[in-house]
Amino acid sequence: MRCFLETDITVLCLSTVILTSTLILATVAFAFLLLPMCQYLIRPCSSGQKISFGICGRFTAAEIMSFCLSFFIVCIWVLTGHWLLMDALGMGLCVAFIALVRLPSLKVSTLLLVGLLIYDVFWVFFSSYIFSTNVMVKVATRPAENPVGIFAKKLHLSGLVRDAPKLSLPGKLVFPSMQNSSHFSMLGLGDIVC
């Protein structure tokens, strides 16, 4: 029994750390995506002065508004698990990656893209021969435990456990299929960024 509890606590801690870091990254990336809209909306009302948050730094009202709006959207996504919110967060991650990563030369860019193409082709088409399952599809379609559900289960709050949906992490964009209403088509964020 003790070994089971230690393993259960380890899995709980690891899944919480991974999901929390994903939520922080998605919040910051989506805030980056919302910043121009917030700057446009706040420009008539704001003087542009920065507000100090002590050790955290100084931020404009538009930056604070975009972060709060992004945090609110991520919280709604965690509580509902809706695919449209996951797609919005995924697009924020793509835009942030494209805007922030600078490659020094065409040679480096070409090597990176060829390496990513080989990596993608291997995991999509050849992993099933080695691992007897398509690893890329399995990882992309596996839902993650919702932290709300995990903590509700530990605290024996049965109503919240039932209501907390499994989350599909924003590593892909999903679109409802035209032929089958319960089926979704996927597009990986790596394919968009490259």
N, C-alpha and C. Protein backbone atom coordinates (compact mmCIF):
# COMPACT_ATOMS: atom_id res chain seq x y z
N MET A 1 0.82 -1.20 0.00
CA MET A 1 0.00 0.00 0.00
C MET A 1 0.86 1.26 0.00
N ARG A 2 1.96 1.23 0.75
CA ARG A 2 2.82 2.40 0.84
C ARG A 2 3.47 2.71 -0.51
N CYS A 3 3.90 1.68 -1.23
CA CYS A 3 4.51 1.86 -2.55
C CYS A 3 3.50 2.46 -3.52
N PHE A 4 2.24 2.02 -3.44
CA PHE A 4 1.20 2.57 -4.30
C PHE A 4 1.00 4.06 -4.01
N LEU A 5 0.98 4.44 -2.74
CA LEU A 5 0.80 5.85 -2.39
C LEU A 5 1.95 6.71 -2.86
N GLU A 6 3.18 6.19 -2.72
CA GLU A 6 4.34 6.96 -3.18
C GLU A 6 4.30 7.15 -4.69
N THR A 7 3.92 6.10 -5.43
CA THR A 7 3.82 6.21 -6.87
C THR A 7 2.69 7.16 -7.25
N ASP A 8 1.58 7.07 -6.55
CA ASP A 8 0.44 7.94 -6.81
C ASP A 8 0.80 9.40 -6.56
N ILE A 9 1.52 9.67 -5.49
CA ILE A 9 1.95 11.03 -5.17
C ILE A 9 2.95 11.53 -6.20
N THR A 10 3.86 10.67 -6.65
CA THR A 10 4.84 11.05 -7.66
C THR A 10 4.16 11.41 -8.97
N VAL A 11 3.21 10.59 -9.41
CA VAL A 11 2.47 10.87 -10.64
C VAL A 11 1.68 12.16 -10.49
N LEU A 12 1.06 12.36 -9.35
CA LEU A 12 0.31 13.59 -9.09
C LEU A 12 1.22 14.80 -9.18
N CYS A 13 2.37 14.73 -8.54
CA CYS A 13 3.31 15.86 -8.55
C CYS A 13 3.83 16.13 -9.96
N LEU A 14 4.24 15.08 -10.68
CA LEU A 14 4.77 15.28 -12.04
C LEU A 14 3.71 15.83 -12.98
N SER A 15 2.50 15.27 -12.93
CA SER A 15 1.46 15.77 -13.82
C SER A 15 1.08 17.20 -13.47
N THR A 16 1.10 17.54 -12.20
CA THR A 16 0.79 18.91 -11.80
C THR A 16 1.87 19.87 -12.27
N VAL A 17 3.14 19.49 -12.16
CA VAL A 17 4.24 20.35 -12.61
C VAL A 17 4.18 20.55 -14.13
N ILE A 18 3.96 19.48 -14.88
CA ILE A 18 3.91 19.58 -16.34
C ILE A 18 2.73 20.43 -16.77
N LEU A 19 1.56 20.18 -16.19
CA LEU A 19 0.38 20.94 -16.57
C LEU A 19 0.50 22.40 -16.14
N THR A 20 1.05 22.66 -14.98
CA THR A 20 1.23 24.04 -14.51
C THR A 20 2.18 24.80 -15.43
N SER A 21 3.28 24.18 -15.82
CA SER A 21 4.21 24.86 -16.73
C SER A 21 3.57 25.09 -18.09
N THR A 22 2.73 24.15 -18.54
CA THR A 22 2.00 24.35 -19.80
C THR A 22 1.02 25.51 -19.67
N LEU A 23 0.34 25.60 -18.54
CA LEU A 23 -0.61 26.69 -18.33
C LEU A 23 0.10 28.04 -18.28
N ILE A 24 1.24 28.11 -17.63
CA ILE A 24 2.00 29.36 -17.56
C ILE A 24 2.48 29.76 -18.95
N LEU A 25 3.03 28.81 -19.69
CA LEU A 25 3.51 29.09 -21.04
C LEU A 25 2.37 29.53 -21.95
N ALA A 26 1.22 28.86 -21.86
CA ALA A 26 0.07 29.23 -22.68
C ALA A 26 -0.45 30.61 -22.30
N THR A 27 -0.45 30.94 -21.01
CA THR A 27 -0.92 32.25 -20.57
C THR A 27 -0.02 33.36 -21.11
N VAL A 28 1.28 33.18 -20.99
CA VAL A 28 2.22 34.20 -21.46
C VAL A 28 2.15 34.33 -22.98
N ALA A 29 2.09 33.20 -23.69
CA ALA A 29 2.03 33.26 -25.16
C ALA A 29 0.74 33.90 -25.65
N PHE A 30 -0.38 33.56 -25.01
CA PHE A 30 -1.65 34.15 -25.43
C PHE A 30 -1.71 35.63 -25.06
N ALA A 31 -1.08 36.01 -23.95
CA ALA A 31 -1.00 37.44 -23.59
C ALA A 31 -0.20 38.20 -24.64
N PHE A 32 0.85 37.58 -25.16
CA PHE A 32 1.65 38.16 -26.24
C PHE A 32 0.79 38.37 -27.48
N LEU A 33 -0.09 37.41 -27.75
CA LEU A 33 -0.97 37.50 -28.91
C LEU A 33 -2.05 38.58 -28.72
N LEU A 34 -2.54 38.74 -27.49
CA LEU A 34 -3.60 39.72 -27.21
C LEU A 34 -3.08 41.14 -27.01
N LEU A 35 -1.77 41.31 -26.83
CA LEU A 35 -1.22 42.62 -26.50
C LEU A 35 -1.55 43.71 -27.52
N PRO A 36 -1.42 43.50 -28.83
CA PRO A 36 -1.76 44.59 -29.76
C PRO A 36 -3.22 45.02 -29.66
N MET A 37 -4.14 44.06 -29.46
CA MET A 37 -5.55 44.41 -29.32
C MET A 37 -5.77 45.25 -28.05
N CYS A 38 -5.13 44.84 -26.95
CA CYS A 38 -5.27 45.59 -25.70
C CYS A 38 -4.66 46.97 -25.81
N GLN A 39 -3.53 47.10 -26.51
CA GLN A 39 -2.93 48.42 -26.71
C GLN A 39 -3.87 49.32 -27.51
N TYR A 40 -4.53 48.76 -28.50
CA TYR A 40 -5.47 49.53 -29.32
C TYR A 40 -6.67 49.98 -28.48
N LEU A 41 -7.17 49.09 -27.63
CA LEU A 41 -8.35 49.41 -26.82
C LEU A 41 -8.03 50.41 -25.70
N ILE A 42 -6.84 50.31 -25.12
CA ILE A 42 -6.50 51.15 -23.96
C ILE A 42 -5.88 52.49 -24.36
N ARG A 43 -5.38 52.61 -25.58
CA ARG A 43 -4.68 53.82 -26.00
C ARG A 43 -5.45 55.10 -25.68
N PRO A 44 -6.76 55.20 -25.95
CA PRO A 44 -7.45 56.47 -25.63
C PRO A 44 -7.55 56.75 -24.13
N CYS A 45 -7.51 55.71 -23.30
CA CYS A 45 -7.74 55.89 -21.85
C CYS A 45 -6.45 55.94 -21.04
N SER A 46 -5.32 55.57 -21.62
CA SER A 46 -4.10 55.42 -20.84
C SER A 46 -3.05 56.43 -21.25
N SER A 47 -2.24 56.82 -20.28
CA SER A 47 -1.15 57.76 -20.56
C SER A 47 0.12 57.04 -20.99
N GLY A 48 0.13 55.71 -20.92
CA GLY A 48 1.30 54.95 -21.33
C GLY A 48 2.34 54.76 -20.24
N GLN A 49 2.05 55.25 -19.03
CA GLN A 49 3.00 55.08 -17.93
C GLN A 49 3.01 53.62 -17.47
N LYS A 50 4.18 53.21 -17.02
CA LYS A 50 4.32 51.84 -16.52
C LYS A 50 4.01 51.78 -15.03
N ILE A 51 3.39 50.68 -14.65
CA ILE A 51 3.03 50.44 -13.26
C ILE A 51 4.03 49.46 -12.68
N SER A 52 4.59 49.79 -11.53
CA SER A 52 5.61 48.94 -10.92
C SER A 52 4.97 47.85 -10.07
N PHE A 53 5.47 46.62 -10.24
CA PHE A 53 5.05 45.48 -9.43
C PHE A 53 6.22 44.94 -8.62
N GLY A 54 7.04 45.84 -8.12
CA GLY A 54 8.18 45.45 -7.29
C GLY A 54 9.19 44.61 -8.03
N ILE A 55 9.46 43.43 -7.52
CA ILE A 55 10.48 42.55 -8.10
C ILE A 55 10.05 41.97 -9.45
N CYS A 56 8.74 41.96 -9.73
CA CYS A 56 8.23 41.41 -10.99
C CYS A 56 8.50 42.32 -12.19
N GLY A 57 8.69 43.60 -11.95
CA GLY A 57 8.99 44.52 -13.05
C GLY A 57 7.94 45.60 -13.20
N ARG A 58 8.07 46.34 -14.32
CA ARG A 58 7.15 47.43 -14.62
C ARG A 58 6.39 47.09 -15.89
N PHE A 59 5.07 47.33 -15.87
CA PHE A 59 4.23 46.95 -16.99
C PHE A 59 3.26 48.06 -17.32
N THR A 60 2.91 48.15 -18.61
CA THR A 60 1.89 49.12 -19.02
C THR A 60 0.51 48.55 -18.72
N ALA A 61 -0.50 49.42 -18.79
CA ALA A 61 -1.87 48.97 -18.53
C ALA A 61 -2.31 47.95 -19.58
N ALA A 62 -1.87 48.11 -20.82
CA ALA A 62 -2.21 47.16 -21.89
C ALA A 62 -1.60 45.79 -21.61
N GLU A 63 -0.36 45.76 -21.12
CA GLU A 63 0.28 44.48 -20.80
C GLU A 63 -0.45 43.78 -19.65
N ILE A 64 -0.86 44.55 -18.66
CA ILE A 64 -1.60 43.97 -17.52
C ILE A 64 -2.95 43.45 -17.99
N MET A 65 -3.62 44.23 -18.83
CA MET A 65 -4.92 43.81 -19.34
C MET A 65 -4.81 42.55 -20.19
N SER A 66 -3.80 42.47 -21.06
CA SER A 66 -3.65 41.29 -21.90
C SER A 66 -3.31 40.06 -21.06
N PHE A 67 -2.49 40.23 -20.03
CA PHE A 67 -2.17 39.10 -19.16
C PHE A 67 -3.41 38.63 -18.39
N CYS A 68 -4.19 39.57 -17.84
CA CYS A 68 -5.40 39.19 -17.09
C CYS A 68 -6.42 38.50 -17.99
N LEU A 69 -6.61 39.03 -19.19
CA LEU A 69 -7.53 38.41 -20.14
C LEU A 69 -7.06 37.01 -20.54
N SER A 70 -5.76 36.88 -20.77
CA SER A 70 -5.19 35.58 -21.11
C SER A 70 -5.34 34.60 -19.95
N PHE A 71 -5.07 35.05 -18.75
CA PHE A 71 -5.23 34.19 -17.57
C PHE A 71 -6.67 33.73 -17.42
N PHE A 72 -7.62 34.62 -17.67
CA PHE A 72 -9.04 34.30 -17.59
C PHE A 72 -9.40 33.24 -18.63
N ILE A 73 -8.90 33.38 -19.86
CA ILE A 73 -9.19 32.42 -20.93
C ILE A 73 -8.58 31.06 -20.61
N VAL A 74 -7.37 31.03 -20.07
CA VAL A 74 -6.74 29.76 -19.69
C VAL A 74 -7.53 29.09 -18.56
N CYS A 75 -8.01 29.86 -17.61
CA CYS A 75 -8.82 29.29 -16.52
C CYS A 75 -10.12 28.69 -17.06
N ILE A 76 -10.76 29.38 -18.01
CA ILE A 76 -11.98 28.83 -18.61
C ILE A 76 -11.66 27.54 -19.36
N TRP A 77 -10.52 27.51 -20.06
CA TRP A 77 -10.11 26.29 -20.78
C TRP A 77 -9.89 25.13 -19.81
N VAL A 78 -9.26 25.39 -18.67
CA VAL A 78 -9.02 24.32 -17.69
C VAL A 78 -10.35 23.80 -17.15
N LEU A 79 -11.31 24.69 -16.93
CA LEU A 79 -12.59 24.27 -16.36
C LEU A 79 -13.50 23.59 -17.38
N THR A 80 -13.40 23.99 -18.66
CA THR A 80 -14.30 23.42 -19.67
C THR A 80 -13.63 22.41 -20.59
N GLY A 81 -12.33 22.61 -20.89
CA GLY A 81 -11.63 21.74 -21.82
C GLY A 81 -12.09 21.89 -23.26
N HIS A 82 -12.71 23.03 -23.60
CA HIS A 82 -13.27 23.23 -24.94
C HIS A 82 -12.18 23.30 -26.00
N TRP A 83 -12.41 22.68 -27.15
CA TRP A 83 -11.41 22.59 -28.20
C TRP A 83 -11.12 23.95 -28.83
N LEU A 84 -12.09 24.86 -28.88
CA LEU A 84 -11.86 26.16 -29.49
C LEU A 84 -10.89 27.00 -28.65
N LEU A 85 -11.01 26.92 -27.33
CA LEU A 85 -10.06 27.63 -26.46
C LEU A 85 -8.67 27.03 -26.57
N MET A 86 -8.60 25.68 -26.69
CA MET A 86 -7.30 25.04 -26.86
C MET A 86 -6.65 25.49 -28.17
N ASP A 87 -7.44 25.64 -29.23
CA ASP A 87 -6.91 26.11 -30.51
C ASP A 87 -6.40 27.55 -30.39
N ALA A 88 -7.13 28.40 -29.67
CA ALA A 88 -6.68 29.78 -29.48
C ALA A 88 -5.35 29.82 -28.72
N LEU A 89 -5.23 28.99 -27.69
CA LEU A 89 -3.96 28.93 -26.94
C LEU A 89 -2.84 28.39 -27.81
N GLY A 90 -3.13 27.39 -28.63
CA GLY A 90 -2.14 26.84 -29.55
C GLY A 90 -1.67 27.88 -30.56
N MET A 91 -2.60 28.67 -31.08
CA MET A 91 -2.21 29.73 -32.02
C MET A 91 -1.35 30.78 -31.33
N GLY A 92 -1.66 31.08 -30.07
CA GLY A 92 -0.82 32.00 -29.31
C GLY A 92 0.59 31.47 -29.16
N LEU A 93 0.73 30.16 -28.89
CA LEU A 93 2.06 29.56 -28.78
C LEU A 93 2.81 29.65 -30.11
N CYS A 94 2.13 29.41 -31.22
CA CYS A 94 2.77 29.50 -32.54
C CYS A 94 3.25 30.91 -32.85
N VAL A 95 2.38 31.88 -32.63
CA VAL A 95 2.74 33.28 -32.92
C VAL A 95 3.90 33.72 -32.04
N ALA A 96 3.86 33.36 -30.76
CA ALA A 96 4.95 33.73 -29.85
C ALA A 96 6.26 33.08 -30.29
N PHE A 97 6.23 31.82 -30.70
CA PHE A 97 7.45 31.14 -31.15
C PHE A 97 8.01 31.80 -32.39
N ILE A 98 7.16 32.06 -33.38
CA ILE A 98 7.61 32.67 -34.62
C ILE A 98 8.17 34.08 -34.38
N ALA A 99 7.54 34.83 -33.49
CA ALA A 99 7.97 36.20 -33.23
C ALA A 99 9.25 36.27 -32.41
N LEU A 100 9.46 35.31 -31.51
CA LEU A 100 10.59 35.41 -30.58
C LEU A 100 11.85 34.67 -31.02
N VAL A 101 11.72 33.64 -31.83
CA VAL A 101 12.90 32.86 -32.24
C VAL A 101 13.49 33.47 -33.50
N ARG A 102 14.75 33.82 -33.42
CA ARG A 102 15.47 34.39 -34.56
C ARG A 102 16.61 33.46 -34.94
N LEU A 103 16.65 33.05 -36.20
CA LEU A 103 17.71 32.18 -36.68
C LEU A 103 18.75 33.04 -37.40
N PRO A 104 20.05 32.80 -37.13
CA PRO A 104 21.09 33.71 -37.61
C PRO A 104 21.35 33.67 -39.12
N SER A 105 21.09 32.54 -39.79
CA SER A 105 21.39 32.47 -41.21
C SER A 105 20.47 31.48 -41.91
N LEU A 106 20.51 31.53 -43.23
CA LEU A 106 19.70 30.61 -44.03
C LEU A 106 20.21 29.18 -43.88
N LYS A 107 21.51 29.01 -43.68
CA LYS A 107 22.10 27.68 -43.51
C LYS A 107 21.56 27.02 -42.23
N VAL A 108 21.54 27.77 -41.14
CA VAL A 108 21.02 27.24 -39.88
C VAL A 108 19.52 26.94 -40.01
N SER A 109 18.78 27.82 -40.67
CA SER A 109 17.35 27.61 -40.87
C SER A 109 17.08 26.35 -41.68
N THR A 110 17.87 26.16 -42.74
CA THR A 110 17.70 24.98 -43.58
C THR A 110 18.01 23.70 -42.81
N LEU A 111 19.11 23.70 -42.05
CA LEU A 111 19.46 22.51 -41.25
C LEU A 111 18.38 22.21 -40.22
N LEU A 112 17.85 23.24 -39.58
CA LEU A 112 16.79 23.05 -38.59
C LEU A 112 15.53 22.47 -39.24
N LEU A 113 15.12 23.02 -40.37
CA LEU A 113 13.91 22.53 -41.03
C LEU A 113 14.08 21.11 -41.56
N VAL A 114 15.25 20.78 -42.12
CA VAL A 114 15.49 19.40 -42.58
C VAL A 114 15.49 18.44 -41.41
N GLY A 115 16.11 18.84 -40.30
CA GLY A 115 16.11 17.99 -39.11
C GLY A 115 14.70 17.77 -38.56
N LEU A 116 13.90 18.83 -38.52
CA LEU A 116 12.52 18.70 -38.05
C LEU A 116 11.67 17.86 -39.00
N LEU A 117 11.94 17.96 -40.31
CA LEU A 117 11.22 17.14 -41.27
C LEU A 117 11.52 15.66 -41.08
N ILE A 118 12.81 15.33 -40.91
CA ILE A 118 13.20 13.93 -40.67
C ILE A 118 12.59 13.43 -39.37
N TYR A 119 12.64 14.23 -38.33
CA TYR A 119 12.05 13.88 -37.03
C TYR A 119 10.55 13.61 -37.18
N ASP A 120 9.85 14.50 -37.87
CA ASP A 120 8.41 14.38 -38.04
C ASP A 120 8.05 13.15 -38.87
N VAL A 121 8.75 12.94 -39.96
CA VAL A 121 8.48 11.78 -40.82
C VAL A 121 8.73 10.48 -40.06
N PHE A 122 9.80 10.41 -39.27
CA PHE A 122 10.07 9.20 -38.51
C PHE A 122 8.94 8.91 -37.53
N TRP A 123 8.56 9.88 -36.71
CA TRP A 123 7.56 9.63 -35.68
C TRP A 123 6.16 9.41 -36.24
N VAL A 124 5.84 10.03 -37.37
CA VAL A 124 4.51 9.84 -37.95
C VAL A 124 4.42 8.54 -38.75
N PHE A 125 5.42 8.25 -39.60
CA PHE A 125 5.30 7.13 -40.53
C PHE A 125 6.05 5.86 -40.12
N PHE A 126 7.17 5.98 -39.40
CA PHE A 126 7.99 4.80 -39.13
C PHE A 126 7.96 4.32 -37.68
N SER A 127 7.41 5.10 -36.77
CA SER A 127 7.40 4.68 -35.37
C SER A 127 6.51 3.46 -35.15
N SER A 128 5.51 3.28 -35.99
CA SER A 128 4.63 2.13 -35.82
C SER A 128 5.34 0.81 -36.09
N TYR A 129 6.39 0.81 -36.91
CA TYR A 129 7.15 -0.41 -37.17
C TYR A 129 8.01 -0.81 -35.97
N ILE A 130 8.48 0.18 -35.21
CA ILE A 130 9.35 -0.10 -34.07
C ILE A 130 8.55 -0.31 -32.80
N PHE A 131 7.54 0.55 -32.55
CA PHE A 131 6.80 0.52 -31.29
C PHE A 131 5.42 -0.11 -31.41
N SER A 132 5.07 -0.63 -32.57
CA SER A 132 3.79 -1.27 -32.89
C SER A 132 2.58 -0.33 -32.71
N THR A 133 2.81 0.94 -32.61
CA THR A 133 1.74 1.94 -32.61
C THR A 133 2.32 3.26 -33.11
N ASN A 134 1.48 4.10 -33.68
CA ASN A 134 1.93 5.39 -34.16
C ASN A 134 2.09 6.31 -32.95
N VAL A 135 3.32 6.55 -32.57
CA VAL A 135 3.62 7.29 -31.35
C VAL A 135 3.12 8.73 -31.44
N MET A 136 3.31 9.38 -32.57
CA MET A 136 2.91 10.78 -32.72
C MET A 136 1.40 10.94 -32.52
N VAL A 137 0.61 10.08 -33.13
CA VAL A 137 -0.85 10.17 -32.99
C VAL A 137 -1.27 9.82 -31.57
N LYS A 138 -0.62 8.81 -30.98
CA LYS A 138 -0.97 8.40 -29.61
C LYS A 138 -0.71 9.53 -28.62
N VAL A 139 0.44 10.19 -28.74
CA VAL A 139 0.78 11.29 -27.83
C VAL A 139 -0.14 12.49 -28.07
N ALA A 140 -0.45 12.78 -29.32
CA ALA A 140 -1.27 13.95 -29.65
C ALA A 140 -2.72 13.77 -29.23
N THR A 141 -3.21 12.55 -29.21
CA THR A 141 -4.62 12.33 -28.89
C THR A 141 -4.87 11.92 -27.45
N ARG A 142 -3.82 11.67 -26.68
CA ARG A 142 -4.01 11.24 -25.29
C ARG A 142 -4.39 12.44 -24.43
N PRO A 143 -5.53 12.37 -23.73
CA PRO A 143 -5.92 13.48 -22.86
C PRO A 143 -5.11 13.48 -21.57
N ALA A 144 -4.92 14.66 -21.02
CA ALA A 144 -4.19 14.81 -19.76
C ALA A 144 -5.18 14.96 -18.61
N GLU A 145 -4.76 14.59 -17.44
CA GLU A 145 -5.60 14.76 -16.25
C GLU A 145 -5.74 16.25 -15.96
N ASN A 146 -6.93 16.65 -15.61
CA ASN A 146 -7.20 18.03 -15.24
C ASN A 146 -6.76 18.24 -13.79
N PRO A 147 -5.98 19.29 -13.50
CA PRO A 147 -5.54 19.50 -12.12
C PRO A 147 -6.70 19.73 -11.16
N VAL A 148 -7.79 20.31 -11.66
CA VAL A 148 -8.97 20.51 -10.81
C VAL A 148 -9.51 19.15 -10.38
N GLY A 149 -9.59 18.21 -11.32
CA GLY A 149 -10.07 16.87 -11.01
C GLY A 149 -9.14 16.11 -10.09
N ILE A 150 -7.83 16.27 -10.29
CA ILE A 150 -6.84 15.57 -9.45
C ILE A 150 -6.96 16.03 -8.00
N PHE A 151 -6.99 17.34 -7.79
CA PHE A 151 -7.07 17.85 -6.41
C PHE A 151 -8.44 17.57 -5.79
N ALA A 152 -9.49 17.61 -6.60
CA ALA A 152 -10.82 17.29 -6.07
C ALA A 152 -10.90 15.83 -5.64
N LYS A 153 -10.24 14.95 -6.40
CA LYS A 153 -10.22 13.54 -6.04
C LYS A 153 -9.45 13.32 -4.74
N LYS A 154 -8.34 14.03 -4.58
CA LYS A 154 -7.54 13.91 -3.36
C LYS A 154 -8.28 14.47 -2.14
N LEU A 155 -9.09 15.51 -2.36
CA LEU A 155 -9.82 16.12 -1.26
C LEU A 155 -11.23 15.52 -1.10
N HIS A 156 -11.52 14.48 -1.89
CA HIS A 156 -12.80 13.76 -1.82
C HIS A 156 -14.00 14.66 -2.09
N LEU A 157 -13.88 15.52 -3.11
CA LEU A 157 -14.98 16.38 -3.54
C LEU A 157 -15.59 15.76 -4.79
N SER A 158 -16.54 14.87 -4.62
CA SER A 158 -17.05 14.04 -5.72
C SER A 158 -17.72 14.86 -6.83
N GLY A 159 -18.35 15.98 -6.52
CA GLY A 159 -19.00 16.79 -7.55
C GLY A 159 -18.01 17.38 -8.53
N LEU A 160 -16.89 17.87 -8.04
CA LEU A 160 -15.88 18.45 -8.92
C LEU A 160 -15.16 17.40 -9.75
N VAL A 161 -14.99 16.20 -9.20
CA VAL A 161 -14.31 15.14 -9.94
C VAL A 161 -15.12 14.79 -11.18
N ARG A 162 -16.44 14.71 -11.02
CA ARG A 162 -17.30 14.39 -12.15
C ARG A 162 -17.30 15.50 -13.19
N ASP A 163 -17.24 16.75 -12.76
CA ASP A 163 -17.37 17.88 -13.67
C ASP A 163 -16.06 18.28 -14.37
N ALA A 164 -14.92 17.90 -13.83
CA ALA A 164 -13.64 18.32 -14.41
C ALA A 164 -13.33 17.48 -15.65
N PRO A 165 -13.26 18.12 -16.83
CA PRO A 165 -12.99 17.35 -18.05
C PRO A 165 -11.52 17.00 -18.18
N LYS A 166 -11.23 15.95 -18.93
CA LYS A 166 -9.83 15.66 -19.28
C LYS A 166 -9.39 16.75 -20.26
N LEU A 167 -8.13 17.15 -20.16
CA LEU A 167 -7.63 18.22 -21.02
C LEU A 167 -6.78 17.65 -22.14
N SER A 168 -6.93 18.24 -23.29
CA SER A 168 -6.04 17.95 -24.40
C SER A 168 -5.09 19.14 -24.46
N LEU A 169 -3.81 18.91 -24.21
CA LEU A 169 -2.85 20.02 -24.11
C LEU A 169 -2.69 20.72 -25.45
N PRO A 170 -2.42 22.04 -25.44
CA PRO A 170 -2.37 22.80 -26.69
C PRO A 170 -1.09 22.56 -27.48
N GLY A 171 -0.92 21.34 -27.97
CA GLY A 171 0.21 21.01 -28.83
C GLY A 171 -0.24 20.78 -30.26
N LYS A 172 -1.53 21.02 -30.48
CA LYS A 172 -2.10 20.80 -31.81
C LYS A 172 -3.34 21.68 -31.95
N LEU A 173 -3.74 21.88 -33.20
CA LEU A 173 -5.02 22.52 -33.48
C LEU A 173 -5.98 21.42 -33.90
N VAL A 174 -7.20 21.47 -33.41
CA VAL A 174 -8.19 20.47 -33.79
C VAL A 174 -9.38 21.18 -34.44
N PHE A 175 -9.95 20.51 -35.43
CA PHE A 175 -11.09 21.04 -36.16
C PHE A 175 -12.14 19.95 -36.27
N PRO A 176 -13.42 20.29 -36.05
CA PRO A 176 -14.46 19.27 -36.20
C PRO A 176 -14.51 18.75 -37.63
N SER A 177 -14.70 17.47 -37.77
CA SER A 177 -14.77 16.84 -39.08
C SER A 177 -16.13 17.10 -39.72
N MET A 178 -16.15 17.29 -41.02
CA MET A 178 -17.40 17.51 -41.73
C MET A 178 -18.24 16.23 -41.82
N GLN A 179 -17.57 15.06 -41.92
CA GLN A 179 -18.28 13.81 -42.11
C GLN A 179 -18.83 13.24 -40.80
N ASN A 180 -18.05 13.36 -39.72
CA ASN A 180 -18.43 12.75 -38.45
C ASN A 180 -18.38 13.82 -37.37
N SER A 181 -19.52 14.11 -36.77
CA SER A 181 -19.58 15.23 -35.83
C SER A 181 -18.79 14.99 -34.55
N SER A 182 -18.54 13.74 -34.19
CA SER A 182 -17.79 13.46 -32.95
C SER A 182 -16.29 13.29 -33.22
N HIS A 183 -15.85 13.42 -34.46
CA HIS A 183 -14.45 13.21 -34.83
C HIS A 183 -13.80 14.57 -35.12
N PHE A 184 -12.53 14.71 -34.71
CA PHE A 184 -11.79 15.94 -34.96
C PHE A 184 -10.56 15.65 -35.82
N SER A 185 -10.24 16.57 -36.73
CA SER A 185 -9.00 16.50 -37.50
C SER A 185 -7.94 17.29 -36.74
N MET A 186 -6.67 16.85 -36.83
CA MET A 186 -5.58 17.49 -36.08
C MET A 186 -4.54 18.09 -37.01
N LEU A 187 -3.91 19.15 -36.54
CA LEU A 187 -2.75 19.73 -37.19
C LEU A 187 -1.77 20.13 -36.09
N GLY A 188 -0.58 19.53 -36.09
CA GLY A 188 0.39 19.79 -35.04
C GLY A 188 0.98 21.19 -35.11
N LEU A 189 1.28 21.76 -33.95
CA LEU A 189 1.85 23.11 -33.91
C LEU A 189 3.23 23.15 -34.57
N GLY A 190 3.98 22.06 -34.49
CA GLY A 190 5.29 22.00 -35.14
C GLY A 190 5.16 22.15 -36.64
N ASP A 191 4.10 21.60 -37.21
CA ASP A 191 3.89 21.73 -38.67
C ASP A 191 3.55 23.17 -39.04
N ILE A 192 2.88 23.89 -38.17
CA ILE A 192 2.53 25.29 -38.43
C ILE A 192 3.76 26.18 -38.33
N VAL A 193 4.55 25.98 -37.28
CA VAL A 193 5.71 26.82 -37.03
C VAL A 193 6.77 26.66 -38.12
N CYS A 194 6.94 25.43 -38.57
CA CYS A 194 7.94 25.18 -39.63
C CYS A 194 7.42 25.68 -40.95
